[in-house]
Amino acid sequence: MEFISRKAAIDRLNAIPPGNWSKARYTRELWNVPSVPAVPLEPLARWITENLDPRCDCDYCLHEDTDFEDRACCNCPRMSEEQVKEALTKWMEEQDAKEKT
């Protein structure tokens, strides 16, 4: 899977001169928008769990302005791969909501 910038796609389609619109033209233009490969959620969550020692899942650590070192000292258990996936999904949904407003 690949991601493209919504703004880049819209800009590219808006550059098509009036009267020159067709499904084939739109398709060709969208294929030419630069993309980046998507990172599948499961391997990303696994990598985070194995390499970044995600521990904080509590309200204090998530909502206070603390550095990572402070959070690592709390009594929170390590997050499971499933919890990391849930946290990433929630964060992505929040980013999407911000982008739409």
C-alpha atoms as a PDB file:
ATOM      1  CA  MET A   1       0.000   0.000   0.000  1.00  0.00           C
ATOM      2  CA  GLU A   2       1.146   3.547  -0.703  1.00  0.00           C
ATOM      3  CA  PHE A   3       0.102   6.937   0.609  1.00  0.00           C
ATOM      4  CA  ILE A   4      -0.180  10.154  -1.371  1.00  0.00           C
ATOM      5  CA  SER A   5      -0.697  13.664  -0.117  1.00  0.00           C
ATOM      6  CA  ARG A   6      -4.322  14.716  -0.477  1.00  0.00           C
ATOM      7  CA  LYS A   7      -3.170  18.294  -1.148  1.00  0.00           C
ATOM      8  CA  ALA A   8      -0.719  17.154  -3.844  1.00  0.00           C
ATOM      9  CA  ALA A   9      -3.466  15.122  -5.536  1.00  0.00           C
ATOM     10  CA  ILE A  10      -5.947  18.005  -5.449  1.00  0.00           C
ATOM     11  CA  ASP A  11      -3.326  20.442  -6.747  1.00  0.00           C
ATOM     12  CA  ARG A  12      -2.464  18.070  -9.583  1.00  0.00           C
ATOM     13  CA  LEU A  13      -6.134  17.601 -10.566  1.00  0.00           C
ATOM     14  CA  ASN A  14      -6.813  21.347 -10.321  1.00  0.00           C
ATOM     15  CA  ALA A  15      -3.980  21.920 -12.810  1.00  0.00           C
ATOM     16  CA  ILE A  16      -5.874  20.052 -15.549  1.00  0.00           C
ATOM     17  CA  PRO A  17      -7.155  22.684 -17.984  1.00  0.00           C
ATOM     18  CA  PRO A  18     -10.966  22.993 -18.281  1.00  0.00           C
ATOM     19  CA  GLY A  19     -12.375  20.946 -21.135  1.00  0.00           C
ATOM     20  CA  ASN A  20      -9.534  18.465 -20.867  1.00  0.00           C
ATOM     21  CA  TRP A  21     -11.129  16.292 -18.202  1.00  0.00           C
ATOM     22  CA  SER A  22     -11.578  12.572 -18.582  1.00  0.00           C
ATOM     23  CA  LYS A  23     -11.384   9.533 -16.359  1.00  0.00           C
ATOM     24  CA  ALA A  24      -8.201   8.461 -18.132  1.00  0.00           C
ATOM     25  CA  ARG A  25      -6.619  11.880 -17.594  1.00  0.00           C
ATOM     26  CA  TYR A  26      -7.546  11.900 -13.882  1.00  0.00           C
ATOM     27  CA  THR A  27      -6.190   8.389 -13.440  1.00  0.00           C
ATOM     28  CA  ARG A  28      -2.918   9.236 -15.196  1.00  0.00           C
ATOM     29  CA  GLU A  29      -2.472  12.397 -13.123  1.00  0.00           C
ATOM     30  CA  LEU A  30      -3.129  10.594  -9.833  1.00  0.00           C
ATOM     31  CA  TRP A  31      -0.657   7.833 -10.713  1.00  0.00           C
ATOM     32  CA  ASN A  32       1.968  10.575 -11.177  1.00  0.00           C
ATOM     33  CA  VAL A  33       1.528  12.033  -7.679  1.00  0.00           C
ATOM     34  CA  PRO A  34       4.600  10.994  -5.625  1.00  0.00           C
ATOM     35  CA  SER A  35       3.808   8.407  -2.978  1.00  0.00           C
ATOM     36  CA  VAL A  36       5.432   6.758   0.004  1.00  0.00           C
ATOM     37  CA  PRO A  37       4.993   3.119   1.015  1.00  0.00           C
ATOM     38  CA  ALA A  38       2.664   2.501   3.939  1.00  0.00           C
ATOM     39  CA  VAL A  39       3.959   0.679   6.977  1.00  0.00           C
ATOM     40  CA  PRO A  40       1.558  -2.125   7.939  1.00  0.00           C
ATOM     41  CA  LEU A  41       0.234  -1.615  11.465  1.00  0.00           C
ATOM     42  CA  GLU A  42       1.051  -5.087  12.825  1.00  0.00           C
ATOM     43  CA  PRO A  43       4.805  -5.049  12.041  1.00  0.00           C
ATOM     44  CA  LEU A  44       5.045  -1.440  13.261  1.00  0.00           C
ATOM     45  CA  ALA A  45       3.349  -2.297  16.574  1.00  0.00           C
ATOM     46  CA  ARG A  46       5.600  -5.350  16.961  1.00  0.00           C
ATOM     47  CA  TRP A  47       8.726  -3.254  16.295  1.00  0.00           C
ATOM     48  CA  ILE A  48       7.647  -0.581  18.787  1.00  0.00           C
ATOM     49  CA  THR A  49       6.913  -3.234  21.422  1.00  0.00           C
ATOM     50  CA  GLU A  50      10.282  -4.920  20.906  1.00  0.00           C
ATOM     51  CA  ASN A  51      12.470  -1.833  20.517  1.00  0.00           C
ATOM     52  CA  LEU A  52      10.965   1.165  22.292  1.00  0.00           C
ATOM     53  CA  ASP A  53       9.815  -0.303  25.606  1.00  0.00           C
ATOM     54  CA  PRO A  54       6.340   1.274  25.541  1.00  0.00           C
ATOM     55  CA  ARG A  55       5.155   1.390  29.120  1.00  0.00           C
ATOM     56  CA  CYS A  56       2.798   4.236  29.683  1.00  0.00           C
ATOM     57  CA  ASP A  57      -0.848   3.607  29.427  1.00  0.00           C
ATOM     58  CA  CYS A  58      -2.018   5.630  32.408  1.00  0.00           C
ATOM     59  CA  ASP A  59      -3.718   9.014  32.503  1.00  0.00           C
ATOM     60  CA  TYR A  60      -0.863  10.687  34.389  1.00  0.00           C
ATOM     61  CA  CYS A  61       1.798   9.691  31.893  1.00  0.00           C
ATOM     62  CA  LEU A  62      -0.309  10.333  28.815  1.00  0.00           C
ATOM     63  CA  HIS A  63      -1.632  13.731  29.864  1.00  0.00           C
ATOM     64  CA  GLU A  64       1.203  15.264  31.853  1.00  0.00           C
ATOM     65  CA  ASP A  65       4.111  17.086  30.310  1.00  0.00           C
ATOM     66  CA  THR A  66       6.814  14.576  31.260  1.00  0.00           C
ATOM     67  CA  ASP A  67       9.799  13.275  29.346  1.00  0.00           C
ATOM     68  CA  PHE A  68      10.250   9.673  28.351  1.00  0.00           C
ATOM     69  CA  GLU A  69      12.716   9.080  31.208  1.00  0.00           C
ATOM     70  CA  ASP A  70      10.097  10.141  33.765  1.00  0.00           C
ATOM     71  CA  ARG A  71       7.480   7.909  32.191  1.00  0.00           C
ATOM     72  CA  ALA A  72       9.798   4.888  32.215  1.00  0.00           C
ATOM     73  CA  CYS A  73      10.054   5.220  36.004  1.00  0.00           C
ATOM     74  CA  CYS A  74       6.328   4.934  36.609  1.00  0.00           C
ATOM     75  CA  ASN A  75       4.692   1.676  37.614  1.00  0.00           C
ATOM     76  CA  CYS A  76       2.860   1.176  34.333  1.00  0.00           C
ATOM     77  CA  PRO A  77       3.190  -2.304  32.840  1.00  0.00           C
ATOM     78  CA  ARG A  78       4.710  -2.734  29.396  1.00  0.00           C
ATOM     79  CA  MET A  79       2.163  -2.257  26.656  1.00  0.00           C
ATOM     80  CA  SER A  80       1.320  -5.333  24.619  1.00  0.00           C
ATOM     81  CA  GLU A  81       1.504  -5.341  20.836  1.00  0.00           C
ATOM     82  CA  GLU A  82      -2.310  -5.132  20.769  1.00  0.00           C
ATOM     83  CA  GLN A  83      -2.294  -2.079  23.082  1.00  0.00           C
ATOM     84  CA  VAL A  84       0.306  -0.391  20.872  1.00  0.00           C
ATOM     85  CA  LYS A  85      -1.878  -1.072  17.803  1.00  0.00           C
ATOM     86  CA  GLU A  86      -4.894   0.418  19.607  1.00  0.00           C
ATOM     87  CA  ALA A  87      -2.887   3.488  20.657  1.00  0.00           C
ATOM     88  CA  LEU A  88      -1.563   4.004  17.111  1.00  0.00           C
ATOM     89  CA  THR A  89      -5.045   3.598  15.629  1.00  0.00           C
ATOM     90  CA  LYS A  90      -6.496   6.113  18.084  1.00  0.00           C
ATOM     91  CA  TRP A  91      -3.690   8.565  17.329  1.00  0.00           C
ATOM     92  CA  MET A  92      -4.178   8.190  13.549  1.00  0.00           C
ATOM     93  CA  GLU A  93      -7.934   8.762  13.918  1.00  0.00           C
ATOM     94  CA  GLU A  94      -7.230  11.921  15.941  1.00  0.00           C
ATOM     95  CA  GLN A  95      -4.832  13.155  13.239  1.00  0.00           C
ATOM     96  CA  ASP A  96      -7.448  12.450  10.574  1.00  0.00           C
ATOM     97  CA  ALA A  97     -10.101  14.346  12.559  1.00  0.00           C
ATOM     98  CA  LYS A  98      -7.760  17.349  12.937  1.00  0.00           C
ATOM     99  CA  GLU A  99      -7.056  17.323   9.207  1.00  0.00           C
ATOM    100  CA  LYS A 100     -10.781  17.403   8.377  1.00  0.00           C
ATOM    101  CA  THR A 101     -11.467  20.437  10.574  1.00  0.00           C
END
